[in-house]
Protein backbone atom coordinates (compact mmCIF):
# COMPACT_ATOMS: atom_id res chain seq x y z
CA UNK A 1 -16.13 -1.55 1.46
CA UNK A 2 -15.95 -3.50 -1.79
CA UNK A 3 -18.64 -4.90 -4.04
CA UNK A 4 -17.95 -8.28 -2.38
CA UNK A 5 -19.70 -7.06 0.76
CA UNK A 6 -23.00 -6.80 -1.13
CA UNK A 7 -22.92 -10.42 -2.30
CA UNK A 8 -24.51 -13.46 -0.71
CA UNK A 9 -21.96 -15.65 1.12
CA UNK A 10 -22.07 -18.43 -1.51
CA UNK A 11 -21.57 -15.87 -4.32
CA UNK A 12 -18.62 -14.35 -2.51
CA UNK A 13 -17.09 -17.78 -1.84
CA UNK A 14 -17.46 -18.72 -5.49
CA UNK A 15 -15.71 -15.58 -6.72
CA UNK A 16 -12.82 -15.65 -4.27
CA UNK A 17 -12.14 -19.37 -4.71
CA UNK A 18 -12.14 -19.19 -8.52
CA UNK A 19 -8.63 -17.77 -9.06
CA UNK A 20 -7.13 -20.64 -7.08
CA UNK A 21 -9.44 -23.25 -8.60
CA UNK A 22 -8.70 -22.16 -12.17
CA UNK A 23 -4.95 -22.30 -11.57
CA UNK A 24 -5.28 -25.71 -9.98
CA UNK A 25 -7.52 -26.97 -12.79
CA UNK A 26 -4.92 -26.00 -15.39
CA UNK A 27 -2.11 -27.51 -13.32
CA UNK A 28 -3.91 -30.81 -12.90
CA UNK A 29 -4.93 -31.02 -16.56
CA UNK A 30 -1.52 -32.41 -17.53
CA UNK A 31 0.28 -35.11 -15.62
CA UNK A 32 3.21 -35.51 -18.02
CA UNK A 33 5.65 -33.49 -15.92
CA UNK A 34 5.18 -35.62 -12.82
CA UNK A 35 5.85 -34.41 -9.28
CA UNK A 36 8.44 -31.83 -10.40
CA UNK A 37 5.87 -30.21 -12.68
CA UNK A 38 3.17 -30.23 -10.03
CA UNK A 39 5.44 -28.68 -7.41
CA UNK A 40 6.67 -25.94 -9.77
CA UNK A 41 3.14 -25.17 -10.90
CA UNK A 42 1.80 -25.00 -7.32
CA UNK A 43 4.60 -22.59 -6.37
CA UNK A 44 3.75 -20.52 -9.44
CA UNK A 45 0.06 -20.53 -8.52
CA UNK A 46 0.79 -19.26 -5.03
CA UNK A 47 3.18 -16.62 -6.35
CA UNK A 48 0.92 -15.36 -9.13
CA UNK A 49 -2.15 -15.11 -6.90
CA UNK A 50 -0.11 -13.25 -4.30
CA UNK A 51 1.31 -10.91 -6.96
CA UNK A 52 -2.15 -10.14 -8.32
CA UNK A 53 -3.38 -9.30 -4.83
CA UNK A 54 -0.61 -6.71 -4.51
CA UNK A 55 -1.04 -5.18 -7.97
CA UNK A 56 -1.86 -1.54 -7.47
CA UNK A 57 -2.63 -0.64 -11.09
CA UNK A 58 -4.89 -3.57 -11.95
CA UNK A 59 -8.65 -3.71 -12.07
CA UNK A 60 -10.25 -2.89 -8.75
CA UNK A 61 -12.64 -5.87 -8.93
CA UNK A 62 -9.82 -8.31 -9.56
CA UNK A 63 -7.77 -6.85 -6.74
CA UNK A 64 -10.64 -7.18 -4.24
CA UNK A 65 -11.34 -10.77 -5.28
CA UNK A 66 -7.74 -11.95 -5.30
CA UNK A 67 -6.83 -10.12 -2.09
CA UNK A 68 -9.51 -12.16 -0.37
CA UNK A 69 -8.30 -15.33 -2.16
CA UNK A 70 -4.90 -14.81 -0.55
CA UNK A 71 -6.39 -13.87 2.83
CA UNK A 72 -8.30 -17.15 2.82
CA UNK A 73 -5.31 -19.33 1.92
CA UNK A 74 -6.18 -21.71 4.77
CA UNK A 75 -9.24 -22.73 2.68
CA UNK A 76 -7.27 -23.62 -0.46
CA UNK A 77 -7.14 -27.31 0.37
CA UNK A 78 -10.93 -27.38 0.62
CA UNK A 79 -11.21 -25.39 -2.61
CA UNK A 80 -9.13 -28.02 -4.42
CA UNK A 81 -12.04 -30.49 -4.37
CA UNK A 82 -14.62 -31.08 -7.10
CA UNK A 83 -12.72 -29.36 -9.91
CA UNK A 84 -15.12 -30.96 -12.40
CA UNK A 85 -17.66 -28.27 -11.44
CA UNK A 86 -15.45 -25.42 -12.63
CA UNK A 87 -17.27 -24.83 -15.91
CA UNK A 88 -20.54 -24.01 -14.16
CA UNK A 89 -18.68 -21.95 -11.57
CA UNK A 90 -17.11 -19.82 -14.31
CA UNK A 91 -20.55 -19.20 -15.83
CA UNK A 92 -22.00 -18.27 -12.43
CA UNK A 93 -19.05 -16.01 -11.60
CA UNK A 94 -19.54 -14.01 -14.78
CA UNK A 95 -23.28 -13.74 -14.09
CA UNK A 96 -22.60 -12.52 -10.54
CA UNK A 97 -20.01 -10.00 -11.69
CA UNK A 98 -22.19 -8.75 -14.54
CA UNK A 99 -24.83 -7.80 -11.98
CA UNK A 100 -22.36 -6.19 -9.56
CA UNK A 101 -19.75 -4.34 -11.66
CA UNK A 102 -19.39 -2.77 -15.10
CA UNK A 103 -18.41 -4.66 -18.25
CA UNK A 104 -14.83 -3.34 -18.18
CA UNK A 105 -14.32 -4.92 -14.74
CA UNK A 106 -15.94 -8.19 -15.86
CA UNK A 107 -13.58 -8.36 -18.84
CA UNK A 108 -10.59 -7.62 -16.60
CA UNK A 109 -11.68 -10.49 -14.34
CA UNK A 110 -11.89 -12.89 -17.30
CA UNK A 111 -8.45 -11.79 -18.53
CA UNK A 112 -6.93 -12.17 -15.08
CA UNK A 113 -8.35 -15.66 -14.59
CA UNK A 114 -6.81 -16.75 -17.89
CA UNK A 115 -3.51 -15.09 -17.02
CA UNK A 116 -3.42 -17.01 -13.74
CA UNK A 117 -4.07 -20.30 -15.56
CA UNK A 118 -1.51 -19.48 -18.23
CA UNK A 119 1.12 -18.50 -15.65
CA UNK A 120 0.66 -21.85 -13.94
CA UNK A 121 1.02 -23.66 -17.26
CA UNK A 122 4.17 -21.70 -18.10
CA UNK A 123 5.81 -22.68 -14.81
CA UNK A 124 7.12 -26.01 -16.06
CA UNK A 125 8.11 -27.11 -19.56
CA UNK A 126 6.60 -30.52 -20.17
CA UNK A 127 8.20 -30.82 -23.62
CA UNK A 128 11.87 -31.48 -24.10
CA UNK A 129 14.44 -33.68 -25.77
CA UNK A 130 12.58 -36.87 -24.85
CA UNK A 131 9.29 -35.76 -26.43
CA UNK A 132 8.34 -38.13 -29.28
CA UNK A 133 8.71 -36.62 -32.77
CA UNK A 134 5.01 -37.01 -33.56
CA UNK A 135 4.15 -34.92 -30.49
CA UNK A 136 6.67 -32.29 -31.52
CA UNK A 137 5.03 -32.08 -34.95
CA UNK A 138 1.56 -31.75 -33.37
CA UNK A 139 2.82 -29.00 -31.07
CA UNK A 140 4.42 -27.11 -33.94
CA UNK A 141 1.28 -27.36 -36.10
CA UNK A 142 -0.83 -26.15 -33.18
CA UNK A 143 1.63 -23.26 -32.71
CA UNK A 144 1.33 -22.20 -36.34
CA UNK A 145 -2.47 -22.37 -36.17
CA UNK A 146 -2.61 -20.31 -32.98
CA UNK A 147 -0.23 -17.66 -34.40
CA UNK A 148 -2.43 -17.35 -37.47
CA UNK A 149 -5.52 -16.98 -35.26
CA UNK A 150 -3.78 -14.35 -33.11
CA UNK A 151 -2.91 -12.28 -36.19
CA UNK A 152 -6.49 -12.63 -37.41
CA UNK A 153 -7.79 -11.29 -34.08
CA UNK A 154 -5.16 -8.56 -33.89
CA UNK A 155 -3.48 -9.81 -30.73
CA UNK A 156 0.13 -10.59 -29.96
CA UNK A 157 0.94 -14.29 -30.23
CA UNK A 158 3.27 -16.14 -27.90
CA UNK A 159 6.81 -16.78 -28.98
CA UNK A 160 7.81 -20.41 -29.57
CA UNK A 161 9.78 -20.71 -26.31
CA UNK A 162 6.73 -19.68 -24.30
CA UNK A 163 4.34 -21.72 -26.40
CA UNK A 164 6.17 -25.00 -25.77
CA UNK A 165 6.02 -24.43 -22.02
CA UNK A 166 2.28 -25.03 -22.25
CA UNK A 167 1.35 -28.62 -23.01
CA UNK A 168 -1.53 -29.48 -25.31
CA UNK A 169 -3.55 -30.68 -22.30
CA UNK A 170 -2.91 -27.40 -20.47
CA UNK A 171 -3.81 -25.46 -23.60
CA UNK A 172 -7.07 -27.40 -23.89
CA UNK A 173 -7.78 -26.65 -20.23
CA UNK A 174 -7.15 -22.93 -20.82
CA UNK A 175 -9.43 -22.95 -23.85
CA UNK A 176 -12.09 -24.76 -21.80
CA UNK A 177 -11.83 -22.15 -19.03
CA UNK A 178 -11.94 -19.31 -21.58
CA UNK A 179 -15.09 -20.70 -23.14
CA UNK A 180 -16.69 -21.13 -19.70
CA UNK A 181 -15.84 -17.49 -18.93
CA UNK A 182 -17.34 -16.37 -22.23
CA UNK A 183 -14.09 -15.38 -23.93
CA UNK A 184 -11.35 -16.97 -26.05
CA UNK A 185 -7.84 -18.21 -25.48
CA UNK A 186 -5.32 -18.59 -28.27
């Protein structure tokens, strides 16, 4: 029996749909890669959610939630609707978890949700040779700023090759999700 069994049905549905919805939100935040990008990111989303459900050494709360996310894959199409409500859903999810599990588990959930979104964003490089020079400059400046912020916070910053796999729109989506979850994303 997991903590999920003690929740109301709508609370449980919210929590187990959120990993998929966050990944989808990040994927749909940037349309620059076209159909190839969308397909690669959807494959990544499926793979990362499945991998998290099988992770033996992760947080117990995250494993329970994501295992059910995978078990309810037939509902994913329904869960893909109304993504504009995700900010409030993130707030509610953290409130629900804060009442049900300890702070360490809540923080692990936040981290995992961001990792899912980031993994989806990393699945397809939107920037390449055809990217306009002004966009390349903006990306580089953003990279330098985020590295400086990472050092300031004492965390490891992404390398350039990883950083450019995440478009500015995807990065904004990840920062939006982080804020809604009550944390930060650099």
